[in-house]
Amino acid sequence: MFGYVTTNQDELKIREFRRYRSFYCGLCDSLRRRCGFRGQLILPYDMAFLDILLNALYEEPLEEKKVFCVTHPLTRQTALENPITSYCADMGLLLAYYKLRDDVEDERSVRSRAGEGLLRRNADKCAARWPDKAAVISGETRLLEEYEKKGEYDLDVSAGFTGKMLGELFVYRNDMWADILRRMGFYLGKFVYLMDAAEDLEKDRKAGRYNPWAGYEQRPDFDALVENTLTMMMAECAKEFEKLPIVQDVDILRNVIYSGVWVKYREMRKKREGIEKES
């Protein structure tokens, strides 16, 4: 969705990074087959994480193949794919499409409007394959838009819409693991929404756009509030993850949950501290 659910590459072993990249390349190739080069441009890190997570849980056979990559044209890349990869590619496409629609509504962006138009036909096909998932994404996006227009600043409520949306996408099968996956996705979704809002706070203030943190920015403990809130969201996500009987690729998944999601947060804090020193 926003590039936060990724690995901390510095803490991965070489073989783990290669394995992660093979899943990432598989998802990229799956998106390419759906909508060409423009599909590769919207490749979401959170869906790469979901691909690894669901494959680790269900241990379905993976097809390994060599694929052409625009960014690495001299060497074909190793890609891992199966039906779970196709599911994650569809969900990533739907998320990107509705995010672009939201950007068009919020920012009146010509670029977002063009992107929405390019993805519409493929997104409609995904919605036809997964009508229940598309309805959740569309519905929660609409509810979030309505809430933001009210100008209310309840962090739990505003983040809950993205949480519910990602929570449903984490449920690949309605089986004994569905509730755990739903809760895991719910808290991860809340983290992503609040992290994205924290990173965009200054930009949104200057543009006069809604931001859920705006109602708290003047608090003397604002930075601690942001960090503690994000930490609580990931603690709940991690708690649900540890309930799953996962062995395959567990070190990669733990790298993302316990370390990778904080990479951009640390970058944001450094930037914010630099601005405060200059002012």
Protein backbone atom coordinates (compact mmCIF):
# COMPACT_ATOMS: atom_id res chain seq x y z
CA MET A 1 0.00 0.00 0.00
CA PHE A 2 2.49 2.62 1.14
CA GLY A 3 5.85 0.84 1.19
CA TYR A 4 6.09 0.32 4.96
CA VAL A 5 5.64 -3.45 5.16
CA THR A 6 9.05 -4.44 3.89
CA THR A 7 12.23 -6.06 5.15
CA ASN A 8 15.13 -4.59 7.03
CA GLN A 9 17.63 -5.81 4.47
CA ASP A 10 20.64 -5.16 6.71
CA GLU A 11 19.40 -7.82 9.14
CA LEU A 12 18.59 -10.50 6.56
CA LYS A 13 20.95 -13.31 5.64
CA ILE A 14 21.89 -13.42 1.95
CA ARG A 15 19.82 -16.55 1.31
CA GLU A 16 16.84 -14.99 3.10
CA PHE A 17 17.06 -11.86 0.98
CA ARG A 18 17.26 -13.97 -2.19
CA ARG A 19 14.22 -15.94 -1.07
CA TYR A 20 12.30 -12.72 -0.31
CA ARG A 21 13.23 -11.28 -3.69
CA SER A 22 12.05 -14.44 -5.45
CA PHE A 23 8.59 -13.96 -3.95
CA TYR A 24 8.73 -10.27 -4.82
CA CYS A 25 9.71 -11.08 -8.43
CA GLY A 26 6.92 -13.66 -8.65
CA LEU A 27 4.37 -11.08 -7.56
CA CYS A 28 5.83 -8.54 -9.98
CA ASP A 29 5.61 -11.00 -12.86
CA SER A 30 2.03 -11.87 -11.94
CA LEU A 31 1.10 -8.18 -12.04
CA ARG A 32 2.89 -7.80 -15.39
CA ARG A 33 0.75 -10.54 -16.90
CA ARG A 34 -2.39 -8.81 -15.61
CA CYS A 35 -1.78 -5.29 -16.81
CA GLY A 36 1.64 -4.98 -18.41
CA PHE A 37 4.39 -2.64 -17.31
CA ARG A 38 1.97 -0.36 -15.44
CA GLY A 39 1.09 -3.28 -13.18
CA GLN A 40 4.74 -3.57 -12.13
CA LEU A 41 4.76 0.10 -11.18
CA ILE A 42 2.15 -0.46 -8.46
CA LEU A 43 3.85 -3.51 -6.93
CA PRO A 44 2.91 -3.36 -3.21
CA TYR A 45 5.34 -4.49 -0.51
CA ASP A 46 2.52 -5.45 1.82
CA MET A 47 1.19 -7.95 -0.72
CA ALA A 48 4.68 -9.45 -1.10
CA PHE A 49 4.62 -9.94 2.67
CA LEU A 50 1.15 -11.49 2.45
CA ASP A 51 2.32 -13.82 -0.31
CA ILE A 52 5.17 -15.11 1.88
CA LEU A 53 2.90 -15.32 4.93
CA LEU A 54 0.12 -17.32 3.24
CA ASN A 55 2.60 -19.62 1.52
CA ALA A 56 4.34 -20.23 4.84
CA LEU A 57 1.02 -21.07 6.48
CA TYR A 58 -0.48 -23.28 3.76
CA GLU A 59 2.76 -24.59 2.23
CA GLU A 60 1.34 -24.90 -1.27
CA PRO A 61 3.76 -26.02 -4.02
CA LEU A 62 5.66 -23.13 -5.58
CA GLU A 63 6.73 -22.94 -9.20
CA GLU A 64 10.24 -21.56 -9.64
CA LYS A 65 10.99 -19.90 -12.96
CA LYS A 66 13.25 -17.30 -14.56
CA VAL A 67 11.58 -14.05 -15.61
CA PHE A 68 12.67 -10.93 -17.47
CA CYS A 69 12.96 -7.80 -15.33
CA VAL A 70 12.99 -4.27 -16.75
CA THR A 71 15.18 -3.01 -13.89
CA HIS A 72 17.65 -5.91 -14.30
CA PRO A 73 17.57 -6.52 -18.08
CA LEU A 74 20.88 -8.38 -18.36
CA THR A 75 19.98 -11.29 -16.07
CA ARG A 76 16.71 -13.16 -15.74
CA GLN A 77 15.44 -13.18 -12.17
CA THR A 78 14.27 -16.15 -10.11
CA ALA A 79 10.54 -15.93 -9.37
CA LEU A 80 8.32 -18.06 -7.12
CA GLU A 81 4.63 -18.27 -8.02
CA ASN A 82 1.46 -20.24 -7.31
CA PRO A 83 -2.28 -19.50 -6.88
CA ILE A 84 -1.56 -17.57 -3.67
CA THR A 85 0.70 -15.27 -5.68
CA SER A 86 -2.16 -14.66 -8.13
CA TYR A 87 -4.47 -13.83 -5.24
CA CYS A 88 -1.99 -11.34 -3.76
CA ALA A 89 -1.45 -9.75 -7.17
CA ASP A 90 -5.21 -9.25 -7.54
CA MET A 91 -5.46 -7.74 -4.07
CA GLY A 92 -2.51 -5.46 -4.75
CA LEU A 93 -4.10 -4.24 -7.96
CA LEU A 94 -7.41 -3.53 -6.20
CA LEU A 95 -5.65 -1.68 -3.38
CA ALA A 96 -3.68 0.44 -5.85
CA TYR A 97 -6.78 1.24 -7.88
CA TYR A 98 -8.86 2.39 -4.91
CA LYS A 99 -5.88 4.31 -3.51
CA LEU A 100 -5.66 6.21 -6.80
CA ARG A 101 -9.38 6.92 -6.64
CA ASP A 102 -8.91 8.26 -3.13
CA ASP A 103 -6.01 10.45 -4.30
CA VAL A 104 -8.17 11.85 -7.09
CA GLU A 105 -10.82 12.74 -4.52
CA ASP A 106 -8.36 14.25 -2.02
CA GLU A 107 -5.81 15.98 -4.22
CA ARG A 108 -7.56 16.39 -7.58
CA SER A 109 -4.35 15.00 -9.02
CA VAL A 110 -4.13 14.68 -12.81
CA ARG A 111 -1.49 12.00 -12.39
CA SER A 112 -3.72 9.94 -10.07
CA ARG A 113 -6.68 10.37 -12.43
CA ALA A 114 -4.55 9.08 -15.33
CA GLY A 115 -3.38 6.11 -13.23
CA GLU A 116 -6.92 5.30 -12.20
CA GLY A 117 -7.97 5.25 -15.84
CA LEU A 118 -5.13 2.95 -16.83
CA LEU A 119 -5.94 0.43 -14.10
CA ARG A 120 -9.74 0.55 -14.26
CA ARG A 121 -10.31 -2.28 -16.74
CA ASN A 122 -7.91 -4.66 -14.98
CA ALA A 123 -9.29 -3.69 -11.57
CA ASP A 124 -12.80 -4.49 -12.81
CA LYS A 125 -11.61 -7.96 -13.83
CA CYS A 126 -10.07 -8.49 -10.38
CA ALA A 127 -13.30 -7.32 -8.75
CA ALA A 128 -15.23 -9.87 -10.81
CA ARG A 129 -12.91 -12.65 -9.60
CA TRP A 130 -13.08 -11.52 -5.96
CA PRO A 131 -16.38 -9.63 -5.50
CA ASP A 132 -16.41 -9.96 -1.71
CA LYS A 133 -12.87 -8.59 -1.34
CA ALA A 134 -13.54 -5.76 -3.80
CA ALA A 135 -16.69 -4.83 -1.89
CA VAL A 136 -14.72 -4.60 1.36
CA ILE A 137 -12.01 -2.41 -0.18
CA SER A 138 -14.55 -0.16 -1.88
CA GLY A 139 -16.79 0.04 1.19
CA GLU A 140 -14.08 0.78 3.74
CA THR A 141 -12.43 3.32 1.42
CA ARG A 142 -15.76 5.12 1.07
CA LEU A 143 -16.37 5.09 4.84
CA LEU A 144 -12.88 6.47 5.44
CA GLU A 145 -13.51 9.29 2.95
CA GLU A 146 -16.77 10.16 4.71
CA TYR A 147 -15.11 10.14 8.12
CA GLU A 148 -12.24 12.34 6.95
CA LYS A 149 -14.68 14.87 5.49
CA LYS A 150 -16.24 15.24 8.95
CA GLY A 151 -12.88 16.45 10.26
CA GLU A 152 -12.90 14.18 13.30
CA TYR A 153 -9.68 12.97 14.90
CA ASP A 154 -10.30 9.68 16.67
CA LEU A 155 -7.20 7.67 15.73
CA ASP A 156 -8.83 4.34 16.50
CA VAL A 157 -11.81 5.06 14.27
CA SER A 158 -9.91 6.59 11.35
CA ALA A 159 -7.29 3.83 11.29
CA GLY A 160 -9.94 1.16 11.75
CA PHE A 161 -11.22 1.47 8.18
CA THR A 162 -7.85 0.52 6.69
CA GLY A 163 -7.49 -2.12 9.40
CA LYS A 164 -10.77 -3.78 8.46
CA MET A 165 -9.87 -3.63 4.80
CA LEU A 166 -6.44 -5.25 5.15
CA GLY A 167 -7.81 -7.70 7.70
CA GLU A 168 -10.25 -9.12 5.16
CA LEU A 169 -7.57 -9.33 2.48
CA PHE A 170 -5.40 -11.42 4.81
CA VAL A 171 -8.13 -14.09 4.87
CA TYR A 172 -7.35 -16.32 1.89
CA ARG A 173 -9.55 -19.19 3.06
CA ASN A 174 -12.40 -19.30 5.56
CA ASP A 175 -10.75 -21.92 7.73
CA MET A 176 -9.44 -22.32 11.28
CA TRP A 177 -6.78 -19.63 10.71
CA ALA A 178 -9.13 -17.00 9.29
CA ASP A 179 -9.80 -15.10 12.53
CA ILE A 180 -6.10 -14.93 13.43
CA LEU A 181 -5.17 -13.70 9.96
CA ARG A 182 -8.00 -11.16 10.05
CA ARG A 183 -6.82 -9.72 13.37
CA MET A 184 -3.22 -9.71 12.20
CA GLY A 185 -4.16 -7.80 9.05
CA PHE A 186 -6.40 -5.46 11.06
CA TYR A 187 -3.59 -4.24 13.31
CA LEU A 188 -1.09 -4.10 10.46
CA GLY A 189 -3.57 -2.04 8.45
CA LYS A 190 -4.00 0.40 11.32
CA PHE A 191 -0.24 0.70 11.63
CA VAL A 192 0.13 1.43 7.91
CA TYR A 193 -2.58 4.09 7.93
CA LEU A 194 -1.20 5.86 11.00
CA MET A 195 2.39 5.58 9.82
CA ASP A 196 1.50 7.05 6.44
CA ALA A 197 -0.40 9.87 8.12
CA ALA A 198 2.52 10.63 10.45
CA GLU A 199 4.90 10.80 7.51
CA ASP A 200 2.54 13.10 5.56
CA LEU A 201 1.59 15.37 8.47
CA GLU A 202 3.62 18.42 7.44
CA LYS A 203 2.69 18.04 3.77
CA ASP A 204 -1.01 17.68 4.60
CA ARG A 205 -0.89 20.73 6.89
CA LYS A 206 0.57 22.90 4.14
CA ALA A 207 -1.99 21.63 1.62
CA GLY A 208 -4.90 22.00 4.03
CA ARG A 209 -5.75 18.29 3.83
CA TYR A 210 -7.16 16.08 6.57
CA ASN A 211 -4.68 14.19 8.73
CA PRO A 212 -5.73 12.16 11.79
CA TRP A 213 -2.65 13.32 13.75
CA ALA A 214 -3.54 17.00 13.30
CA GLY A 215 -5.74 16.96 16.38
CA TYR A 216 -2.80 15.85 18.55
CA GLU A 217 0.15 17.71 17.04
CA GLN A 218 0.25 20.43 19.70
CA ARG A 219 0.62 17.98 22.56
CA PRO A 220 4.04 18.17 24.25
CA ASP A 221 4.27 14.37 24.11
CA PHE A 222 3.28 14.17 20.45
CA ASP A 223 6.34 12.22 19.26
CA ALA A 224 5.96 9.73 22.12
CA LEU A 225 2.24 9.39 21.32
CA VAL A 226 3.00 8.52 17.70
CA GLU A 227 5.67 5.98 18.62
CA ASN A 228 3.63 4.36 21.39
CA THR A 229 0.52 4.10 19.20
CA LEU A 230 2.44 2.52 16.32
CA THR A 231 4.21 0.18 18.74
CA MET A 232 0.89 -1.00 20.18
CA MET A 233 -0.46 -1.74 16.70
CA MET A 234 2.57 -3.84 15.75
CA ALA A 235 2.62 -5.58 19.13
CA GLU A 236 -0.94 -6.78 18.53
CA CYS A 237 -0.07 -7.79 14.96
CA ALA A 238 2.97 -9.75 16.18
CA LYS A 239 0.93 -11.43 18.91
CA GLU A 240 -1.49 -12.80 16.31
CA PHE A 241 1.34 -13.84 14.01
CA GLU A 242 2.98 -15.91 16.72
CA LYS A 243 -0.22 -17.96 17.07
CA LEU A 244 0.23 -19.33 13.54
CA PRO A 245 2.10 -22.67 13.09
CA ILE A 246 4.65 -21.23 10.70
CA VAL A 247 8.11 -22.68 10.11
CA GLN A 248 8.71 -21.93 6.43
CA ASP A 249 10.32 -18.50 5.91
CA VAL A 250 9.57 -17.56 9.53
CA ASP A 251 12.80 -15.55 9.86
CA ILE A 252 11.88 -13.40 6.86
CA LEU A 253 8.40 -12.78 8.24
CA ARG A 254 9.73 -11.88 11.69
CA ASN A 255 12.25 -9.55 10.08
CA VAL A 256 9.37 -7.61 8.50
CA ILE A 257 7.14 -7.58 11.58
CA TYR A 258 9.75 -6.78 14.22
CA SER A 259 12.21 -4.68 12.22
CA GLY A 260 11.31 -3.92 8.61
CA VAL A 261 8.16 -1.93 9.35
CA TRP A 262 10.24 0.47 11.48
CA VAL A 263 12.78 1.37 8.78
CA LYS A 264 10.74 4.25 7.38
CA TYR A 265 9.68 5.32 10.86
CA ARG A 266 13.31 5.85 11.84
CA GLU A 267 13.89 7.80 8.62
CA MET A 268 10.84 9.94 9.40
CA ARG A 269 12.05 10.68 12.94
CA LYS A 270 15.49 11.73 11.71
CA LYS A 271 13.91 14.06 9.18
CA ARG A 272 11.55 15.52 11.76
CA GLU A 273 14.35 16.02 14.28
CA GLY A 274 16.39 17.76 11.60
CA ILE A 275 13.54 20.16 10.82
CA GLU A 276 13.07 20.93 14.52
CA LYS A 277 16.79 21.74 14.93
CA GLU A 278 16.67 24.13 11.96
CA SER A 279 13.57 25.96 13.24
